């Protein structure tokens, strides 16, 4: 039995840490600034500021040389690790209770969003990866969904940056408009929580919209939003299978190959969610893990911003923005329609 790889593992890990440290350090520094911004403007969150600050640094002077490995590491591995830690925000109990009530609204809005992304995106001649990122990000949970599917479809930093920015723009509009819309429609806090949790993407924006409507709407809205995050799993697996079929020219899918296509970080996400249910995690530890997951998303998006091709964003033009506006409107409209049909508002 060859044990040489095991013996050399510590030295290889140390060498890898030294290699990525400079670039990761820049991404962490940007994430710290973004976190400070989020504390001043909670509705903004830390993900978008981290991304935009990273892009700004790249415009001034793109990190290369010894910084490049760490920047790439932040935008890929740390992004996947952040998805794993997102599972700590869910428990099987909350999934079962909230899922029963919110599933018709979530599934309806998601199906409408994905179909529209495909049809309208093609009509607008938007490249497949961009319309997939905007469609899944709008239909599920913004930056978290984009983080999950971007490595599966091989999205570039520019495509990720444009998609995140587009989705956040309409999230910001929703924070302002949705509370007034809820009051105009005579929604109670519980109903508005269902609406906000299924029609707004980013968690910070859900918190902001629900808080502006009524403090009592906040708890349910956030849980609905977190349960909605689970839609990442079937969508990611479906995209992985579709990508594999495209690359293998339709070669038949076996069970072994299908299992191999499931990204490791989605398995980790589920395992963490299960552990959060069956293991009594002390509140300080649980809160620390939640904070760590949010911060890792910021670090990862800072890395993506640092490696973004700004010229590619400019070349994308206005069409992806129009797609984002259309999809956001369709998701909100579908959510309202299904809520009206099932609850009568």
C-alpha atoms as a PDB file:
ATOM      1  CA  UNK A   1       0.000   0.000   0.000  1.00  0.00           C
ATOM      2  CA  UNK A   2       1.426   3.365  -1.041  1.00  0.00           C
ATOM      3  CA  UNK A   3       1.199   5.778   1.911  1.00  0.00           C
ATOM      4  CA  UNK A   4       3.373   8.498   0.380  1.00  0.00           C
ATOM      5  CA  UNK A   5       0.379  10.736  -0.540  1.00  0.00           C
ATOM      6  CA  UNK A   6      -0.838  10.592   3.075  1.00  0.00           C
ATOM      7  CA  UNK A   7       2.603  11.378   4.462  1.00  0.00           C
ATOM      8  CA  UNK A   8       3.064  14.363   2.178  1.00  0.00           C
ATOM      9  CA  UNK A   9      -0.477  15.721   2.700  1.00  0.00           C
ATOM     10  CA  UNK A  10       0.446  18.193   5.503  1.00  0.00           C
ATOM     11  CA  UNK A  11       3.297  19.679   3.488  1.00  0.00           C
ATOM     12  CA  UNK A  12       1.122  19.935   0.371  1.00  0.00           C
ATOM     13  CA  UNK A  13      -1.674  21.625   2.299  1.00  0.00           C
ATOM     14  CA  UNK A  14       0.815  24.062   3.814  1.00  0.00           C
ATOM     15  CA  UNK A  15       2.233  24.879   0.396  1.00  0.00           C
ATOM     16  CA  UNK A  16      -1.272  25.402  -0.962  1.00  0.00           C
ATOM     17  CA  UNK A  17      -2.141  27.725   1.940  1.00  0.00           C
ATOM     18  CA  UNK A  18       0.954  29.816   1.279  1.00  0.00           C
ATOM     19  CA  UNK A  19       0.085  29.926  -2.422  1.00  0.00           C
ATOM     20  CA  UNK A  20      -3.473  31.225  -1.947  1.00  0.00           C
ATOM     21  CA  UNK A  21      -2.943  33.420   1.131  1.00  0.00           C
ATOM     22  CA  UNK A  22      -2.176  36.742  -0.670  1.00  0.00           C
ATOM     23  CA  UNK A  23      -5.253  36.630  -2.920  1.00  0.00           C
ATOM     24  CA  UNK A  24      -7.563  35.329  -0.195  1.00  0.00           C
ATOM     25  CA  UNK A  25      -6.270  38.103   2.065  1.00  0.00           C
ATOM     26  CA  UNK A  26      -7.440  40.748  -0.410  1.00  0.00           C
ATOM     27  CA  UNK A  27     -10.859  39.090  -0.724  1.00  0.00           C
ATOM     28  CA  UNK A  28     -11.208  38.876   3.076  1.00  0.00           C
ATOM     29  CA  UNK A  29     -10.275  42.550   3.465  1.00  0.00           C
ATOM     30  CA  UNK A  30     -12.936  43.541   0.926  1.00  0.00           C
ATOM     31  CA  UNK A  31     -15.497  41.304   2.670  1.00  0.00           C
ATOM     32  CA  UNK A  32     -14.755  43.014   5.995  1.00  0.00           C
ATOM     33  CA  UNK A  33     -15.421  46.414   4.445  1.00  0.00           C
ATOM     34  CA  UNK A  34     -18.622  45.066   2.843  1.00  0.00           C
ATOM     35  CA  UNK A  35     -19.745  43.680   6.212  1.00  0.00           C
ATOM     36  CA  UNK A  36     -19.228  47.105   7.789  1.00  0.00           C
ATOM     37  CA  UNK A  37     -21.319  48.658   5.015  1.00  0.00           C
ATOM     38  CA  UNK A  38     -24.081  46.099   5.659  1.00  0.00           C
ATOM     39  CA  UNK A  39     -24.193  47.092   9.331  1.00  0.00           C
ATOM     40  CA  UNK A  40     -24.765  50.713   8.343  1.00  0.00           C
ATOM     41  CA  UNK A  41     -27.278  49.846   5.597  1.00  0.00           C
ATOM     42  CA  UNK A  42     -28.782  46.444   6.571  1.00  0.00           C
ATOM     43  CA  UNK A  43     -31.074  46.266   3.536  1.00  0.00           C
ATOM     44  CA  UNK A  44     -28.015  46.329   1.292  1.00  0.00           C
ATOM     45  CA  UNK A  45     -26.476  43.183   2.761  1.00  0.00           C
ATOM     46  CA  UNK A  46     -22.797  42.381   2.384  1.00  0.00           C
ATOM     47  CA  UNK A  47     -22.796  40.282  -0.797  1.00  0.00           C
ATOM     48  CA  UNK A  48     -23.398  43.056  -3.338  1.00  0.00           C
ATOM     49  CA  UNK A  49     -20.956  45.570  -1.756  1.00  0.00           C
ATOM     50  CA  UNK A  50     -18.283  42.840  -1.702  1.00  0.00           C
ATOM     51  CA  UNK A  51     -18.861  42.108  -5.377  1.00  0.00           C
ATOM     52  CA  UNK A  52     -18.878  45.771  -6.429  1.00  0.00           C
ATOM     53  CA  UNK A  53     -15.790  46.621  -4.341  1.00  0.00           C
ATOM     54  CA  UNK A  54     -13.997  43.684  -5.927  1.00  0.00           C
ATOM     55  CA  UNK A  55     -14.923  44.909  -9.394  1.00  0.00           C
ATOM     56  CA  UNK A  56     -13.771  48.434  -8.486  1.00  0.00           C
ATOM     57  CA  UNK A  57     -10.383  47.137  -7.332  1.00  0.00           C
ATOM     58  CA  UNK A  58     -10.098  45.111 -10.544  1.00  0.00           C
ATOM     59  CA  UNK A  59     -10.800  48.216 -12.616  1.00  0.00           C
ATOM     60  CA  UNK A  60      -8.062  50.163 -10.809  1.00  0.00           C
ATOM     61  CA  UNK A  61      -5.583  47.298 -10.815  1.00  0.00           C
ATOM     62  CA  UNK A  62      -6.538  43.691 -11.399  1.00  0.00           C
ATOM     63  CA  UNK A  63      -4.711  41.320  -9.007  1.00  0.00           C
ATOM     64  CA  UNK A  64      -2.286  39.129 -10.928  1.00  0.00           C
ATOM     65  CA  UNK A  65       0.923  37.224 -10.246  1.00  0.00           C
ATOM     66  CA  UNK A  66       1.089  35.908  -6.696  1.00  0.00           C
ATOM     67  CA  UNK A  67      -2.438  37.184  -5.954  1.00  0.00           C
ATOM     68  CA  UNK A  68      -4.125  35.290  -8.797  1.00  0.00           C
ATOM     69  CA  UNK A  69      -4.286  31.788  -7.177  1.00  0.00           C
ATOM     70  CA  UNK A  70      -5.965  33.105  -4.026  1.00  0.00           C
ATOM     71  CA  UNK A  71      -8.467  35.211  -5.974  1.00  0.00           C
ATOM     72  CA  UNK A  72      -9.450  32.141  -8.015  1.00  0.00           C
ATOM     73  CA  UNK A  73      -9.619  30.036  -4.827  1.00  0.00           C
ATOM     74  CA  UNK A  74     -11.944  32.577  -3.199  1.00  0.00           C
ATOM     75  CA  UNK A  75     -14.270  32.689  -6.179  1.00  0.00           C
ATOM     76  CA  UNK A  76     -14.493  28.906  -6.518  1.00  0.00           C
ATOM     77  CA  UNK A  77     -13.761  26.720  -3.467  1.00  0.00           C
ATOM     78  CA  UNK A  78     -14.787  29.292  -0.837  1.00  0.00           C
ATOM     79  CA  UNK A  79     -17.950  29.923  -2.862  1.00  0.00           C
ATOM     80  CA  UNK A  80     -18.809  26.215  -2.679  1.00  0.00           C
ATOM     81  CA  UNK A  81     -17.921  26.058   1.020  1.00  0.00           C
ATOM     82  CA  UNK A  82     -20.283  28.988   1.643  1.00  0.00           C
ATOM     83  CA  UNK A  83     -23.115  26.992   0.051  1.00  0.00           C
ATOM     84  CA  UNK A  84     -22.378  24.098   2.439  1.00  0.00           C
ATOM     85  CA  UNK A  85     -22.606  26.362   5.487  1.00  0.00           C
ATOM     86  CA  UNK A  86     -25.907  27.832   4.285  1.00  0.00           C
ATOM     87  CA  UNK A  87     -27.447  24.534   5.408  1.00  0.00           C
ATOM     88  CA  UNK A  88     -27.018  25.571   9.049  1.00  0.00           C
ATOM     89  CA  UNK A  89     -29.887  28.029   8.582  1.00  0.00           C
ATOM     90  CA  UNK A  90     -32.375  25.218   7.927  1.00  0.00           C
ATOM     91  CA  UNK A  91     -33.903  22.394   9.939  1.00  0.00           C
ATOM     92  CA  UNK A  92     -36.091  19.509   8.807  1.00  0.00           C
ATOM     93  CA  UNK A  93     -38.880  20.658  11.143  1.00  0.00           C
ATOM     94  CA  UNK A  94     -39.089  24.124   9.577  1.00  0.00           C
ATOM     95  CA  UNK A  95     -38.865  22.611   6.103  1.00  0.00           C
ATOM     96  CA  UNK A  96     -41.863  20.328   6.746  1.00  0.00           C
ATOM     97  CA  UNK A  97     -44.075  22.909   8.446  1.00  0.00           C
ATOM     98  CA  UNK A  98     -43.400  25.873   6.189  1.00  0.00           C
ATOM     99  CA  UNK A  99     -42.965  23.776   3.071  1.00  0.00           C
ATOM    100  CA  UNK A 100     -46.533  22.460   3.155  1.00  0.00           C
ATOM    101  CA  UNK A 101     -47.969  25.983   3.118  1.00  0.00           C
ATOM    102  CA  UNK A 102     -45.489  27.685   0.817  1.00  0.00           C
ATOM    103  CA  UNK A 103     -44.741  24.899  -1.697  1.00  0.00           C
ATOM    104  CA  UNK A 104     -47.572  25.750  -4.166  1.00  0.00           C
ATOM    105  CA  UNK A 105     -46.446  29.377  -4.293  1.00  0.00           C
ATOM    106  CA  UNK A 106     -42.749  28.514  -4.542  1.00  0.00           C
ATOM    107  CA  UNK A 107     -43.155  25.896  -7.263  1.00  0.00           C
ATOM    108  CA  UNK A 108     -45.552  27.995  -9.342  1.00  0.00           C
ATOM    109  CA  UNK A 109     -43.330  31.080  -9.291  1.00  0.00           C
ATOM    110  CA  UNK A 110     -40.202  29.003  -9.974  1.00  0.00           C
ATOM    111  CA  UNK A 111     -41.712  27.216 -12.972  1.00  0.00           C
ATOM    112  CA  UNK A 112     -42.994  30.476 -14.449  1.00  0.00           C
ATOM    113  CA  UNK A 113     -39.629  32.152 -13.871  1.00  0.00           C
ATOM    114  CA  UNK A 114     -37.530  29.387 -15.447  1.00  0.00           C
ATOM    115  CA  UNK A 115     -39.807  29.030 -18.474  1.00  0.00           C
ATOM    116  CA  UNK A 116     -39.832  32.787 -18.995  1.00  0.00           C
ATOM    117  CA  UNK A 117     -36.053  32.973 -18.603  1.00  0.00           C
ATOM    118  CA  UNK A 118     -35.641  30.395 -21.342  1.00  0.00           C
ATOM    119  CA  UNK A 119     -38.247  31.817 -23.735  1.00  0.00           C
ATOM    120  CA  UNK A 120     -37.692  35.549 -23.198  1.00  0.00           C
ATOM    121  CA  UNK A 121     -33.934  35.139 -22.815  1.00  0.00           C
ATOM    122  CA  UNK A 122     -33.731  33.376 -26.168  1.00  0.00           C
ATOM    123  CA  UNK A 123     -35.963  36.016 -27.787  1.00  0.00           C
ATOM    124  CA  UNK A 124     -33.626  38.728 -26.462  1.00  0.00           C
ATOM    125  CA  UNK A 125     -30.594  36.741 -27.734  1.00  0.00           C
ATOM    126  CA  UNK A 126     -29.079  36.508 -24.254  1.00  0.00           C
ATOM    127  CA  UNK A 127     -26.385  33.790 -23.968  1.00  0.00           C
ATOM    128  CA  UNK A 128     -27.530  30.594 -22.255  1.00  0.00           C
ATOM    129  CA  UNK A 129     -25.340  30.903 -19.147  1.00  0.00           C
ATOM    130  CA  UNK A 130     -26.447  34.482 -18.455  1.00  0.00           C
ATOM    131  CA  UNK A 131     -30.150  33.726 -18.776  1.00  0.00           C
ATOM    132  CA  UNK A 132     -29.704  30.618 -16.604  1.00  0.00           C
ATOM    133  CA  UNK A 133     -27.982  32.613 -13.857  1.00  0.00           C
ATOM    134  CA  UNK A 134     -30.589  35.386 -13.916  1.00  0.00           C
ATOM    135  CA  UNK A 135     -33.472  32.916 -14.126  1.00  0.00           C
ATOM    136  CA  UNK A 136     -32.322  30.669 -11.274  1.00  0.00           C
ATOM    137  CA  UNK A 137     -31.177  33.641  -9.177  1.00  0.00           C
ATOM    138  CA  UNK A 138     -34.546  35.366  -9.575  1.00  0.00           C
ATOM    139  CA  UNK A 139     -36.601  32.205  -9.139  1.00  0.00           C
ATOM    140  CA  UNK A 140     -34.821  30.843  -6.059  1.00  0.00           C
ATOM    141  CA  UNK A 141     -32.596  32.940  -3.840  1.00  0.00           C
ATOM    142  CA  UNK A 142     -30.355  35.427  -5.585  1.00  0.00           C
ATOM    143  CA  UNK A 143     -26.635  35.237  -4.873  1.00  0.00           C
ATOM    144  CA  UNK A 144     -26.859  31.880  -3.063  1.00  0.00           C
ATOM    145  CA  UNK A 145     -28.478  30.170  -6.054  1.00  0.00           C
ATOM    146  CA  UNK A 146     -25.998  31.787  -8.420  1.00  0.00           C
ATOM    147  CA  UNK A 147     -23.176  30.564  -6.174  1.00  0.00           C
ATOM    148  CA  UNK A 148     -24.515  27.024  -6.364  1.00  0.00           C
ATOM    149  CA  UNK A 149     -25.028  26.751 -10.121  1.00  0.00           C
ATOM    150  CA  UNK A 150     -22.161  28.878 -11.466  1.00  0.00           C
ATOM    151  CA  UNK A 151     -19.520  26.108 -11.155  1.00  0.00           C
ATOM    152  CA  UNK A 152     -21.939  23.577 -12.631  1.00  0.00           C
ATOM    153  CA  UNK A 153     -22.551  25.539 -15.840  1.00  0.00           C
ATOM    154  CA  UNK A 154     -19.030  27.017 -16.002  1.00  0.00           C
ATOM    155  CA  UNK A 155     -20.133  30.644 -15.666  1.00  0.00           C
ATOM    156  CA  UNK A 156     -17.493  33.352 -15.978  1.00  0.00           C
ATOM    157  CA  UNK A 157     -16.832  36.014 -13.353  1.00  0.00           C
ATOM    158  CA  UNK A 158     -18.348  38.680 -15.609  1.00  0.00           C
ATOM    159  CA  UNK A 159     -21.548  36.672 -16.058  1.00  0.00           C
ATOM    160  CA  UNK A 160     -21.830  36.079 -12.308  1.00  0.00           C
ATOM    161  CA  UNK A 161     -21.183  39.750 -11.517  1.00  0.00           C
ATOM    162  CA  UNK A 162     -23.806  40.959 -13.985  1.00  0.00           C
ATOM    163  CA  UNK A 163     -26.406  38.453 -12.754  1.00  0.00           C
ATOM    164  CA  UNK A 164     -25.906  39.296  -9.067  1.00  0.00           C
ATOM    165  CA  UNK A 165     -26.048  43.040  -9.737  1.00  0.00           C
ATOM    166  CA  UNK A 166     -29.159  42.704 -11.898  1.00  0.00           C
ATOM    167  CA  UNK A 167     -31.034  40.646  -9.321  1.00  0.00           C
ATOM    168  CA  UNK A 168     -30.079  42.953  -6.463  1.00  0.00           C
ATOM    169  CA  UNK A 169     -31.360  45.992  -8.362  1.00  0.00           C
ATOM    170  CA  UNK A 170     -34.874  44.549  -8.482  1.00  0.00           C
ATOM    171  CA  UNK A 171     -34.584  43.276  -4.908  1.00  0.00           C
ATOM    172  CA  UNK A 172     -33.949  46.870  -3.842  1.00  0.00           C
ATOM    173  CA  UNK A 173     -37.042  48.003  -5.746  1.00  0.00           C
ATOM    174  CA  UNK A 174     -39.067  45.230  -4.068  1.00  0.00           C
ATOM    175  CA  UNK A 175     -37.979  46.381  -0.599  1.00  0.00           C
ATOM    176  CA  UNK A 176     -39.547  49.772  -1.290  1.00  0.00           C
ATOM    177  CA  UNK A 177     -42.611  48.712  -3.305  1.00  0.00           C
ATOM    178  CA  UNK A 178     -43.765  45.446  -1.689  1.00  0.00           C
ATOM    179  CA  UNK A 179     -44.720  46.790   1.778  1.00  0.00           C
ATOM    180  CA  UNK A 180     -46.952  49.441   0.163  1.00  0.00           C
ATOM    181  CA  UNK A 181     -48.402  46.792  -2.146  1.00  0.00           C
ATOM    182  CA  UNK A 182     -49.103  44.509   0.810  1.00  0.00           C
ATOM    183  CA  UNK A 183     -50.961  47.232   2.698  1.00  0.00           C
ATOM    184  CA  UNK A 184     -52.876  48.225  -0.444  1.00  0.00           C
ATOM    185  CA  UNK A 185     -54.041  44.617  -0.873  1.00  0.00           C
ATOM    186  CA  UNK A 186     -55.017  44.330   2.788  1.00  0.00           C
ATOM    187  CA  UNK A 187     -52.542  41.548   3.606  1.00  0.00           C
ATOM    188  CA  UNK A 188     -52.084  40.388   7.186  1.00  0.00           C
ATOM    189  CA  UNK A 189     -48.497  39.885   8.454  1.00  0.00           C
ATOM    190  CA  UNK A 190     -48.568  36.112   7.863  1.00  0.00           C
ATOM    191  CA  UNK A 191     -49.719  36.468   4.253  1.00  0.00           C
ATOM    192  CA  UNK A 192     -47.193  39.201   3.567  1.00  0.00           C
ATOM    193  CA  UNK A 193     -44.470  37.001   5.043  1.00  0.00           C
ATOM    194  CA  UNK A 194     -45.407  34.302   2.535  1.00  0.00           C
ATOM    195  CA  UNK A 195     -45.407  36.836  -0.295  1.00  0.00           C
ATOM    196  CA  UNK A 196     -42.063  38.414   0.625  1.00  0.00           C
ATOM    197  CA  UNK A 197     -40.424  35.037   1.256  1.00  0.00           C
ATOM    198  CA  UNK A 198     -41.411  33.730  -2.178  1.00  0.00           C
ATOM    199  CA  UNK A 199     -41.085  36.896  -4.286  1.00  0.00           C
ATOM    200  CA  UNK A 200     -37.933  38.561  -2.887  1.00  0.00           C
ATOM    201  CA  UNK A 201     -34.619  36.785  -3.399  1.00  0.00           C
ATOM    202  CA  UNK A 202     -31.815  37.941  -1.113  1.00  0.00           C
ATOM    203  CA  UNK A 203     -32.295  37.240   2.614  1.00  0.00           C
ATOM    204  CA  UNK A 204     -31.338  40.766   3.651  1.00  0.00           C
ATOM    205  CA  UNK A 205     -33.920  42.183   1.252  1.00  0.00           C
ATOM    206  CA  UNK A 206     -36.576  39.805   2.608  1.00  0.00           C
ATOM    207  CA  UNK A 207     -35.763  40.999   6.139  1.00  0.00           C
ATOM    208  CA  UNK A 208     -35.964  44.629   5.056  1.00  0.00           C
ATOM    209  CA  UNK A 209     -39.271  44.268   3.196  1.00  0.00           C
ATOM    210  CA  UNK A 210     -40.947  42.283   5.996  1.00  0.00           C
ATOM    211  CA  UNK A 211     -39.679  44.689   8.666  1.00  0.00           C
ATOM    212  CA  UNK A 212     -41.054  47.676   6.780  1.00  0.00           C
ATOM    213  CA  UNK A 213     -44.458  45.974   6.523  1.00  0.00           C
ATOM    214  CA  UNK A 214     -44.747  44.719  10.120  1.00  0.00           C
ATOM    215  CA  UNK A 215     -42.341  43.265  12.647  1.00  0.00           C
ATOM    216  CA  UNK A 216     -44.656  40.274  13.094  1.00  0.00           C
ATOM    217  CA  UNK A 217     -44.209  39.367   9.411  1.00  0.00           C
ATOM    218  CA  UNK A 218     -40.447  38.995   9.732  1.00  0.00           C
ATOM    219  CA  UNK A 219     -40.061  35.535  11.251  1.00  0.00           C
ATOM    220  CA  UNK A 220     -42.321  33.690   8.811  1.00  0.00           C
ATOM    221  CA  UNK A 221     -40.906  35.558   5.789  1.00  0.00           C
ATOM    222  CA  UNK A 222     -37.338  34.527   6.624  1.00  0.00           C
ATOM    223  CA  UNK A 223     -38.265  30.869   7.183  1.00  0.00           C
ATOM    224  CA  UNK A 224     -40.152  30.774   3.862  1.00  0.00           C
ATOM    225  CA  UNK A 225     -37.114  32.292   2.167  1.00  0.00           C
ATOM    226  CA  UNK A 226     -34.790  29.697   3.716  1.00  0.00           C
ATOM    227  CA  UNK A 227     -37.041  26.798   2.734  1.00  0.00           C
ATOM    228  CA  UNK A 228     -37.134  28.241  -0.778  1.00  0.00           C
ATOM    229  CA  UNK A 229     -33.345  27.861  -0.781  1.00  0.00           C
ATOM    230  CA  UNK A 230     -33.844  24.076  -0.980  1.00  0.00           C
ATOM    231  CA  UNK A 231     -34.984  24.489  -4.579  1.00  0.00           C
ATOM    232  CA  UNK A 232     -31.272  24.883  -5.320  1.00  0.00           C
ATOM    233  CA  UNK A 233     -30.841  21.122  -4.977  1.00  0.00           C
ATOM    234  CA  UNK A 234     -33.143  19.769  -7.740  1.00  0.00           C
ATOM    235  CA  UNK A 235     -32.289  22.662 -10.070  1.00  0.00           C
ATOM    236  CA  UNK A 236     -28.528  22.117  -9.617  1.00  0.00           C
ATOM    237  CA  UNK A 237     -28.811  18.376 -10.194  1.00  0.00           C
ATOM    238  CA  UNK A 238     -30.945  18.968 -13.289  1.00  0.00           C
ATOM    239  CA  UNK A 239     -28.418  21.443 -14.679  1.00  0.00           C
ATOM    240  CA  UNK A 240     -25.561  19.044 -13.952  1.00  0.00           C
ATOM    241  CA  UNK A 241     -27.308  16.284 -15.896  1.00  0.00           C
ATOM    242  CA  UNK A 242     -28.112  18.644 -18.782  1.00  0.00           C
ATOM    243  CA  UNK A 243     -24.498  19.875 -18.930  1.00  0.00           C
ATOM    244  CA  UNK A 244     -23.239  16.304 -18.906  1.00  0.00           C
ATOM    245  CA  UNK A 245     -25.559  15.327 -21.756  1.00  0.00           C
ATOM    246  CA  UNK A 246     -24.408  18.318 -23.770  1.00  0.00           C
ATOM    247  CA  UNK A 247     -20.742  17.466 -23.253  1.00  0.00           C
ATOM    248  CA  UNK A 248     -21.165  13.750 -23.960  1.00  0.00           C
ATOM    249  CA  UNK A 249     -23.423  14.194 -26.996  1.00  0.00           C
ATOM    250  CA  UNK A 250     -26.404  12.516 -25.348  1.00  0.00           C
ATOM    251  CA  UNK A 251     -24.601   9.419 -24.061  1.00  0.00           C
ATOM    252  CA  UNK A 252     -27.016   7.317 -21.919  1.00  0.00           C
ATOM    253  CA  UNK A 253     -27.108   8.238 -18.227  1.00  0.00           C
ATOM    254  CA  UNK A 254     -26.310   5.476 -15.748  1.00  0.00           C
ATOM    255  CA  UNK A 255     -27.060   5.554 -12.019  1.00  0.00           C
ATOM    256  CA  UNK A 256     -23.349   5.696 -11.213  1.00  0.00           C
ATOM    257  CA  UNK A 257     -22.794   8.639 -13.523  1.00  0.00           C
ATOM    258  CA  UNK A 258     -25.898  10.412 -12.193  1.00  0.00           C
ATOM    259  CA  UNK A 259     -24.665  10.091  -8.603  1.00  0.00           C
ATOM    260  CA  UNK A 260     -21.257  11.352  -9.666  1.00  0.00           C
ATOM    261  CA  UNK A 261     -22.835  14.482 -11.143  1.00  0.00           C
ATOM    262  CA  UNK A 262     -24.233  15.636  -7.779  1.00  0.00           C
ATOM    263  CA  UNK A 263     -21.883  18.449  -6.672  1.00  0.00           C
ATOM    264  CA  UNK A 264     -20.099  17.739  -3.385  1.00  0.00           C
ATOM    265  CA  UNK A 265     -21.180  21.047  -1.910  1.00  0.00           C
ATOM    266  CA  UNK A 266     -24.892  20.214  -2.350  1.00  0.00           C
ATOM    267  CA  UNK A 267     -24.335  16.966  -0.448  1.00  0.00           C
ATOM    268  CA  UNK A 268     -22.578  19.020   2.221  1.00  0.00           C
ATOM    269  CA  UNK A 269     -25.475  21.480   2.296  1.00  0.00           C
ATOM    270  CA  UNK A 270     -27.960  18.662   2.995  1.00  0.00           C
ATOM    271  CA  UNK A 271     -25.741  17.021   5.613  1.00  0.00           C
ATOM    272  CA  UNK A 272     -25.352  20.309   7.478  1.00  0.00           C
ATOM    273  CA  UNK A 273     -29.125  20.876   7.388  1.00  0.00           C
ATOM    274  CA  UNK A 274     -29.706  17.366   8.783  1.00  0.00           C
ATOM    275  CA  UNK A 275     -27.049  17.890  11.461  1.00  0.00           C
ATOM    276  CA  UNK A 276     -28.694  21.167  12.408  1.00  0.00           C
ATOM    277  CA  UNK A 277     -31.889  19.186  13.005  1.00  0.00           C
ATOM    278  CA  UNK A 278     -30.598  16.186  14.976  1.00  0.00           C
ATOM    279  CA  UNK A 279     -27.650  17.684  16.873  1.00  0.00           C
ATOM    280  CA  UNK A 280     -28.341  20.180  19.674  1.00  0.00           C
ATOM    281  CA  UNK A 281     -26.007  22.976  18.566  1.00  0.00           C
ATOM    282  CA  UNK A 282     -25.527  25.666  21.254  1.00  0.00           C
ATOM    283  CA  UNK A 283     -26.992  29.015  20.215  1.00  0.00           C
ATOM    284  CA  UNK A 284     -23.632  30.880  20.185  1.00  0.00           C
ATOM    285  CA  UNK A 285     -22.088  28.188  17.950  1.00  0.00           C
ATOM    286  CA  UNK A 286     -25.115  28.161  15.644  1.00  0.00           C
ATOM    287  CA  UNK A 287     -25.087  31.963  15.355  1.00  0.00           C
ATOM    288  CA  UNK A 288     -21.361  31.856  14.645  1.00  0.00           C
ATOM    289  CA  UNK A 289     -21.864  29.349  11.815  1.00  0.00           C
ATOM    290  CA  UNK A 290     -24.626  31.486  10.302  1.00  0.00           C
ATOM    291  CA  UNK A 291     -22.353  34.536  10.456  1.00  0.00           C
ATOM    292  CA  UNK A 292     -19.522  32.519   8.913  1.00  0.00           C
ATOM    293  CA  UNK A 293     -21.717  31.400   6.017  1.00  0.00           C
ATOM    294  CA  UNK A 294     -22.766  34.973   5.249  1.00  0.00           C
ATOM    295  CA  UNK A 295     -19.169  36.199   5.497  1.00  0.00           C
ATOM    296  CA  UNK A 296     -17.881  33.406   3.221  1.00  0.00           C
ATOM    297  CA  UNK A 297     -20.414  34.404   0.568  1.00  0.00           C
ATOM    298  CA  UNK A 298     -18.995  37.948   0.766  1.00  0.00           C
ATOM    299  CA  UNK A 299     -15.400  36.676   0.508  1.00  0.00           C
ATOM    300  CA  UNK A 300     -16.322  34.533  -2.491  1.00  0.00           C
ATOM    301  CA  UNK A 301     -18.123  37.359  -4.279  1.00  0.00           C
ATOM    302  CA  UNK A 302     -15.176  39.663  -3.573  1.00  0.00           C
ATOM    303  CA  UNK A 303     -12.982  37.081  -5.306  1.00  0.00           C
ATOM    304  CA  UNK A 304     -15.376  36.952  -8.249  1.00  0.00           C
ATOM    305  CA  UNK A 305     -15.366  40.750  -8.441  1.00  0.00           C
ATOM    306  CA  UNK A 306     -11.566  40.836  -8.392  1.00  0.00           C
ATOM    307  CA  UNK A 307     -11.391  38.464 -11.357  1.00  0.00           C
ATOM    308  CA  UNK A 308     -14.224  40.055 -13.360  1.00  0.00           C
ATOM    309  CA  UNK A 309     -13.747  41.058 -16.980  1.00  0.00           C
ATOM    310  CA  UNK A 310     -15.364  44.512 -16.842  1.00  0.00           C
ATOM    311  CA  UNK A 311     -15.298  44.849 -20.620  1.00  0.00           C
ATOM    312  CA  UNK A 312     -17.461  41.718 -20.876  1.00  0.00           C
ATOM    313  CA  UNK A 313     -20.065  43.318 -18.576  1.00  0.00           C
ATOM    314  CA  UNK A 314     -20.189  46.378 -20.815  1.00  0.00           C
ATOM    315  CA  UNK A 315     -20.610  44.158 -23.870  1.00  0.00           C
ATOM    316  CA  UNK A 316     -23.611  42.420 -22.221  1.00  0.00           C
ATOM    317  CA  UNK A 317     -25.656  45.602 -22.675  1.00  0.00           C
ATOM    318  CA  UNK A 318     -29.224  46.233 -21.551  1.00  0.00           C
ATOM    319  CA  UNK A 319     -30.881  42.946 -22.527  1.00  0.00           C
ATOM    320  CA  UNK A 320     -30.005  40.959 -19.357  1.00  0.00           C
ATOM    321  CA  UNK A 321     -31.287  43.908 -17.304  1.00  0.00           C
ATOM    322  CA  UNK A 322     -34.611  43.792 -19.173  1.00  0.00           C
ATOM    323  CA  UNK A 323     -34.779  40.038 -18.581  1.00  0.00           C
ATOM    324  CA  UNK A 324     -34.200  40.561 -14.843  1.00  0.00           C
ATOM    325  CA  UNK A 325     -36.972  43.173 -14.670  1.00  0.00           C
ATOM    326  CA  UNK A 326     -39.404  40.917 -16.542  1.00  0.00           C
ATOM    327  CA  UNK A 327     -38.650  37.850 -14.428  1.00  0.00           C
ATOM    328  CA  UNK A 328     -38.923  39.774 -11.147  1.00  0.00           C
ATOM    329  CA  UNK A 329     -42.332  41.096 -12.197  1.00  0.00           C
ATOM    330  CA  UNK A 330     -43.510  37.634 -13.238  1.00  0.00           C
ATOM    331  CA  UNK A 331     -42.361  36.045  -9.965  1.00  0.00           C
ATOM    332  CA  UNK A 332     -44.147  38.697  -7.900  1.00  0.00           C
ATOM    333  CA  UNK A 333     -47.297  38.440 -10.014  1.00  0.00           C
ATOM    334  CA  UNK A 334     -47.362  34.642  -9.886  1.00  0.00           C
ATOM    335  CA  UNK A 335     -46.819  34.636  -6.114  1.00  0.00           C
ATOM    336  CA  UNK A 336     -49.716  37.065  -5.615  1.00  0.00           C
ATOM    337  CA  UNK A 337     -51.996  35.072  -7.923  1.00  0.00           C
ATOM    338  CA  UNK A 338     -51.323  31.719  -6.243  1.00  0.00           C
ATOM    339  CA  UNK A 339     -51.647  33.244  -2.753  1.00  0.00           C
ATOM    340  CA  UNK A 340     -54.995  34.750  -3.800  1.00  0.00           C
ATOM    341  CA  UNK A 341     -56.199  31.427  -5.236  1.00  0.00           C
ATOM    342  CA  UNK A 342     -55.144  29.421  -2.161  1.00  0.00           C
ATOM    343  CA  UNK A 343     -55.869  31.843   0.677  1.00  0.00           C
ATOM    344  CA  UNK A 344     -58.081  34.543  -0.796  1.00  0.00           C
ATOM    345  CA  UNK A 345     -55.605  37.092   0.609  1.00  0.00           C
END
